[in-house]
Amino acid sequence: MPSTVVHLAIAGLVGAALLGEEFDRRSALVVFGFTALPDLDVLAEPVLPGAHRSLGHTLLLPAFVFAVLLWDTRRGAASALRRRYGVRGLKVAWVGAFCLLGAGILPDLFLGGVNALYPLHDRFYVFNGELYYSTDRGWVQTFVDLSPPEPKPTRTTANFRFRTVLDAAPTRGVERTVEEGRVERLFPVAMAGFRFALVLVSTVVVAIRLGGGRSLARLLGE
């Protein structure tokens, strides 16, 4: 699963690209807050089993946020965001909402799956596959499979849970555990090389943008 750090790395790149001159420490925190919001559902796991990737990862959440933003934006001068924060506030809010969906939820939909329509429909969905061009077969895609599906157990909050750091059960490294009953808890940062590279690239880009280009100028000796 992508860690929260990876989600924030994606959001940093998106925010730096879309906010332009509006990208500063304050707007970055807003974008990061929107992006981290879905992963807060892990806090509900002790009282609501299966909450992680369900309660905060439902696509109904960004749909609601987009609907509220659209309603407020179309009010023109009467917009609450516009009156308090100006056009900048509207822009940051829209980019934050986009990161909520694009950086906070969609990566999990592609890797492991999310309970996309929870609580209206309790079922985990995963969207993955391949898209490539073959000199023998032409264009090939496996994202949408039109063949008759094989019978598989439906994953719901009743029979499926993602491991979280709050779980009081052994995770990785249990075979190396010496003490009886010892539990290893994981705080993931980057669990694959590509994700680590993404975190590094995002860190550099965000640092340069927040520095107003001064760090890059110093590096180039200007």
Protein backbone atom coordinates (compact mmCIF):
# COMPACT_ATOMS: atom_id res chain seq x y z
CA MET A 1 0.00 0.00 0.00
CA PRO A 2 1.25 3.54 -0.65
CA SER A 3 2.17 5.19 2.65
CA THR A 4 0.83 8.58 3.68
CA VAL A 5 4.28 9.96 2.86
CA VAL A 6 3.89 8.78 -0.76
CA HIS A 7 0.42 10.36 -0.95
CA LEU A 8 1.87 13.64 0.29
CA ALA A 9 4.70 13.41 -2.24
CA ILE A 10 2.17 13.19 -5.07
CA ALA A 11 0.22 16.10 -3.61
CA GLY A 12 3.39 18.18 -3.35
CA LEU A 13 4.08 17.75 -7.06
CA VAL A 14 0.46 18.49 -8.00
CA GLY A 15 0.29 21.54 -5.75
CA ALA A 16 3.59 22.92 -7.03
CA ALA A 17 2.40 22.48 -10.62
CA LEU A 18 -1.16 23.83 -10.32
CA LEU A 19 -0.88 26.60 -7.74
CA GLY A 20 1.88 28.53 -9.50
CA GLU A 21 2.72 31.70 -7.56
CA GLU A 22 0.14 30.76 -4.93
CA PHE A 23 2.26 27.81 -3.80
CA ASP A 24 3.76 28.69 -0.43
CA ARG A 25 4.02 27.08 2.99
CA ARG A 26 0.45 27.92 3.91
CA SER A 27 -1.15 26.64 0.71
CA ALA A 28 1.08 23.55 0.81
CA LEU A 29 -0.22 22.73 4.30
CA VAL A 30 -3.80 23.04 3.05
CA VAL A 31 -3.09 20.71 0.12
CA PHE A 32 -1.32 18.24 2.40
CA GLY A 33 -4.25 18.37 4.84
CA PHE A 34 -6.75 17.50 2.12
CA THR A 35 -4.50 14.66 0.94
CA ALA A 36 -3.92 13.11 4.37
CA LEU A 37 -7.62 13.26 5.29
CA PRO A 38 -8.54 9.80 3.86
CA ASP A 39 -5.85 8.02 5.88
CA LEU A 40 -7.32 9.34 9.12
CA ASP A 41 -9.91 6.56 8.84
CA VAL A 42 -7.30 4.29 10.41
CA LEU A 43 -8.13 5.95 13.74
CA ALA A 44 -11.64 4.48 13.56
CA GLU A 45 -10.38 0.89 13.22
CA PRO A 46 -10.55 0.04 16.96
CA VAL A 47 -14.28 0.85 17.09
CA LEU A 48 -15.22 0.20 13.45
CA PRO A 49 -13.40 -2.83 11.99
CA GLY A 50 -12.73 -2.40 8.28
CA ALA A 51 -12.87 1.41 8.51
CA HIS A 52 -9.46 1.86 6.89
CA ARG A 53 -9.82 2.36 3.14
CA SER A 54 -13.60 2.54 3.66
CA LEU A 55 -14.65 5.41 5.89
CA GLY A 56 -12.20 7.95 4.46
CA HIS A 57 -11.53 6.39 1.07
CA THR A 58 -15.06 6.39 -0.26
CA LEU A 59 -15.43 8.35 -3.49
CA LEU A 60 -18.50 9.94 -1.93
CA LEU A 61 -16.16 12.12 0.17
CA PRO A 62 -14.50 14.01 -2.73
CA ALA A 63 -17.85 14.09 -4.53
CA PHE A 64 -19.34 15.91 -1.55
CA VAL A 65 -16.36 18.29 -1.29
CA PHE A 66 -16.49 19.08 -5.03
CA ALA A 67 -20.25 19.70 -4.82
CA VAL A 68 -19.84 22.14 -1.92
CA LEU A 69 -16.97 23.95 -3.64
CA LEU A 70 -18.91 24.20 -6.90
CA TRP A 71 -21.96 25.58 -5.08
CA ASP A 72 -19.86 28.13 -3.17
CA THR A 73 -17.82 29.15 -6.23
CA ARG A 74 -20.91 29.78 -8.34
CA ARG A 75 -22.22 32.22 -5.74
CA GLY A 76 -19.75 34.78 -7.11
CA ALA A 77 -19.17 37.71 -4.78
CA ALA A 78 -21.33 36.01 -2.12
CA SER A 79 -18.94 33.05 -1.95
CA ALA A 80 -17.84 32.41 1.64
CA LEU A 81 -14.35 31.37 0.55
CA ARG A 82 -13.99 34.33 -1.80
CA ARG A 83 -15.10 36.83 0.87
CA ARG A 84 -12.66 35.50 3.48
CA TYR A 85 -9.66 34.36 1.42
CA GLY A 86 -10.19 35.93 -1.99
CA VAL A 87 -9.63 34.21 -5.31
CA ARG A 88 -6.50 32.62 -3.84
CA GLY A 89 -8.63 30.78 -1.29
CA LEU A 90 -10.87 29.36 -3.99
CA LYS A 91 -7.90 28.22 -6.04
CA VAL A 92 -6.16 26.55 -3.10
CA ALA A 93 -9.42 24.84 -2.06
CA TRP A 94 -10.01 23.44 -5.56
CA VAL A 95 -6.44 22.14 -5.81
CA GLY A 96 -6.78 20.66 -2.32
CA ALA A 97 -10.00 18.90 -3.30
CA PHE A 98 -8.33 17.58 -6.44
CA CYS A 99 -5.45 16.23 -4.32
CA LEU A 100 -7.96 14.64 -1.93
CA LEU A 101 -9.14 12.54 -4.86
CA GLY A 102 -6.07 12.28 -7.08
CA ALA A 103 -3.34 11.99 -4.45
CA GLY A 104 -5.24 10.73 -1.41
CA ILE A 105 -7.69 8.12 -2.75
CA LEU A 106 -6.91 7.08 -6.33
CA PRO A 107 -3.41 5.67 -5.60
CA ASP A 108 -5.03 3.31 -3.08
CA LEU A 109 -7.71 2.37 -5.61
CA PHE A 110 -4.94 1.29 -7.99
CA LEU A 111 -2.88 -0.47 -5.28
CA GLY A 112 -4.86 -2.79 -3.03
CA GLY A 113 -8.28 -1.27 -3.52
CA VAL A 114 -10.77 0.91 -1.63
CA ASN A 115 -14.36 0.60 -0.50
CA ALA A 116 -15.33 3.07 -3.23
CA LEU A 117 -19.02 3.64 -2.47
CA TYR A 118 -19.04 3.07 1.30
CA PRO A 119 -21.41 3.27 3.15
CA LEU A 120 -24.00 3.09 0.36
CA HIS A 121 -22.42 -0.08 -1.03
CA ASP A 122 -20.04 -2.12 1.12
CA ARG A 123 -17.52 -3.62 -1.30
CA PHE A 124 -13.81 -3.12 -1.95
CA TYR A 125 -12.78 -2.38 -5.53
CA VAL A 126 -9.32 -2.40 -7.08
CA PHE A 127 -8.51 -0.90 -10.48
CA ASN A 128 -5.34 -2.24 -12.07
CA GLY A 129 -4.11 -3.79 -15.29
CA GLU A 130 -1.84 -3.13 -18.25
CA LEU A 131 -1.91 -0.99 -21.37
CA TYR A 132 0.64 -1.53 -24.13
CA TYR A 133 1.12 -1.84 -27.88
CA SER A 134 2.20 -5.19 -29.31
CA THR A 135 3.55 -5.63 -32.84
CA ASP A 136 1.65 -8.94 -32.95
CA ARG A 137 -1.60 -8.06 -31.16
CA GLY A 138 -1.86 -4.30 -31.54
CA TRP A 139 -3.15 -2.33 -28.57
CA VAL A 140 -3.72 -4.47 -25.47
CA GLN A 141 -5.39 -3.36 -22.26
CA THR A 142 -6.43 -5.36 -19.21
CA PHE A 143 -7.95 -2.57 -17.11
CA VAL A 144 -11.45 -3.41 -18.35
CA ASP A 145 -12.01 -7.15 -18.61
CA LEU A 146 -15.10 -8.00 -20.67
CA SER A 147 -14.73 -11.76 -20.25
CA PRO A 148 -17.09 -13.59 -17.86
CA PRO A 149 -15.74 -13.03 -14.34
CA GLU A 150 -14.54 -15.96 -12.26
CA PRO A 151 -16.46 -16.45 -9.00
CA LYS A 152 -14.56 -14.74 -6.21
CA PRO A 153 -15.47 -13.90 -2.63
CA THR A 154 -16.70 -10.32 -2.35
CA ARG A 155 -14.50 -8.22 -0.06
CA THR A 156 -16.51 -6.16 2.42
CA THR A 157 -15.85 -4.60 5.82
CA ALA A 158 -17.36 -7.74 7.35
CA ASN A 159 -14.74 -10.15 6.00
CA PHE A 160 -11.73 -8.03 4.99
CA ARG A 161 -9.41 -5.58 6.73
CA PHE A 162 -6.20 -3.83 5.73
CA ARG A 163 -3.33 -4.11 8.18
CA THR A 164 -2.65 -0.86 10.01
CA VAL A 165 -0.15 0.30 12.61
CA LEU A 166 -2.93 0.08 15.20
CA ASP A 167 -3.32 -3.69 14.79
CA ALA A 168 -2.33 -5.60 17.91
CA ALA A 169 -1.18 -8.62 15.94
CA PRO A 170 2.28 -9.62 14.65
CA THR A 171 3.10 -8.25 11.21
CA ARG A 172 6.37 -8.47 9.28
CA GLY A 173 9.32 -9.92 11.13
CA VAL A 174 7.25 -12.25 13.29
CA GLU A 175 9.58 -15.09 12.31
CA ARG A 176 12.44 -13.13 13.89
CA THR A 177 10.55 -12.46 17.10
CA VAL A 178 12.21 -13.88 20.17
CA GLU A 179 9.97 -12.66 22.95
CA GLU A 180 6.65 -14.46 23.28
CA GLY A 181 3.75 -12.25 22.24
CA ARG A 182 5.95 -9.46 20.90
CA VAL A 183 4.32 -7.37 18.17
CA GLU A 184 6.13 -5.56 15.37
CA ARG A 185 4.40 -2.38 14.23
CA LEU A 186 5.20 -0.81 10.89
CA PHE A 187 5.20 2.89 10.05
CA PRO A 188 5.59 2.76 6.25
CA VAL A 189 7.43 5.48 4.37
CA ALA A 190 8.25 3.96 0.98
CA MET A 191 7.76 0.22 0.46
CA ALA A 192 9.07 0.10 -3.10
CA GLY A 193 11.92 1.72 -5.01
CA PHE A 194 9.63 3.70 -7.30
CA ARG A 195 7.75 5.18 -4.36
CA PHE A 196 11.02 6.17 -2.68
CA ALA A 197 12.13 7.89 -5.88
CA LEU A 198 8.78 9.72 -5.99
CA VAL A 199 9.25 10.94 -2.42
CA LEU A 200 12.77 12.20 -3.21
CA VAL A 201 11.70 14.00 -6.39
CA SER A 202 8.72 15.60 -4.66
CA THR A 203 10.85 16.71 -1.71
CA VAL A 204 13.30 18.48 -4.03
CA VAL A 205 10.57 20.12 -6.14
CA VAL A 206 8.55 21.33 -3.15
CA ALA A 207 11.68 22.63 -1.40
CA ILE A 208 12.71 24.61 -4.48
CA ARG A 209 9.22 26.04 -5.00
CA LEU A 210 8.82 27.00 -1.34
CA GLY A 211 12.24 28.63 -1.46
CA GLY A 212 11.11 30.83 -4.32
CA GLY A 213 13.82 29.42 -6.56
CA ARG A 214 16.57 30.79 -4.28
CA SER A 215 17.94 27.33 -3.46
CA LEU A 216 18.18 26.51 -7.15
CA ALA A 217 19.88 29.84 -7.85
CA ARG A 218 22.45 29.17 -5.13
CA LEU A 219 23.07 25.70 -6.56
CA LEU A 220 23.70 27.20 -10.00
CA GLY A 221 25.93 29.86 -8.52
CA GLU A 222 23.70 32.76 -9.53
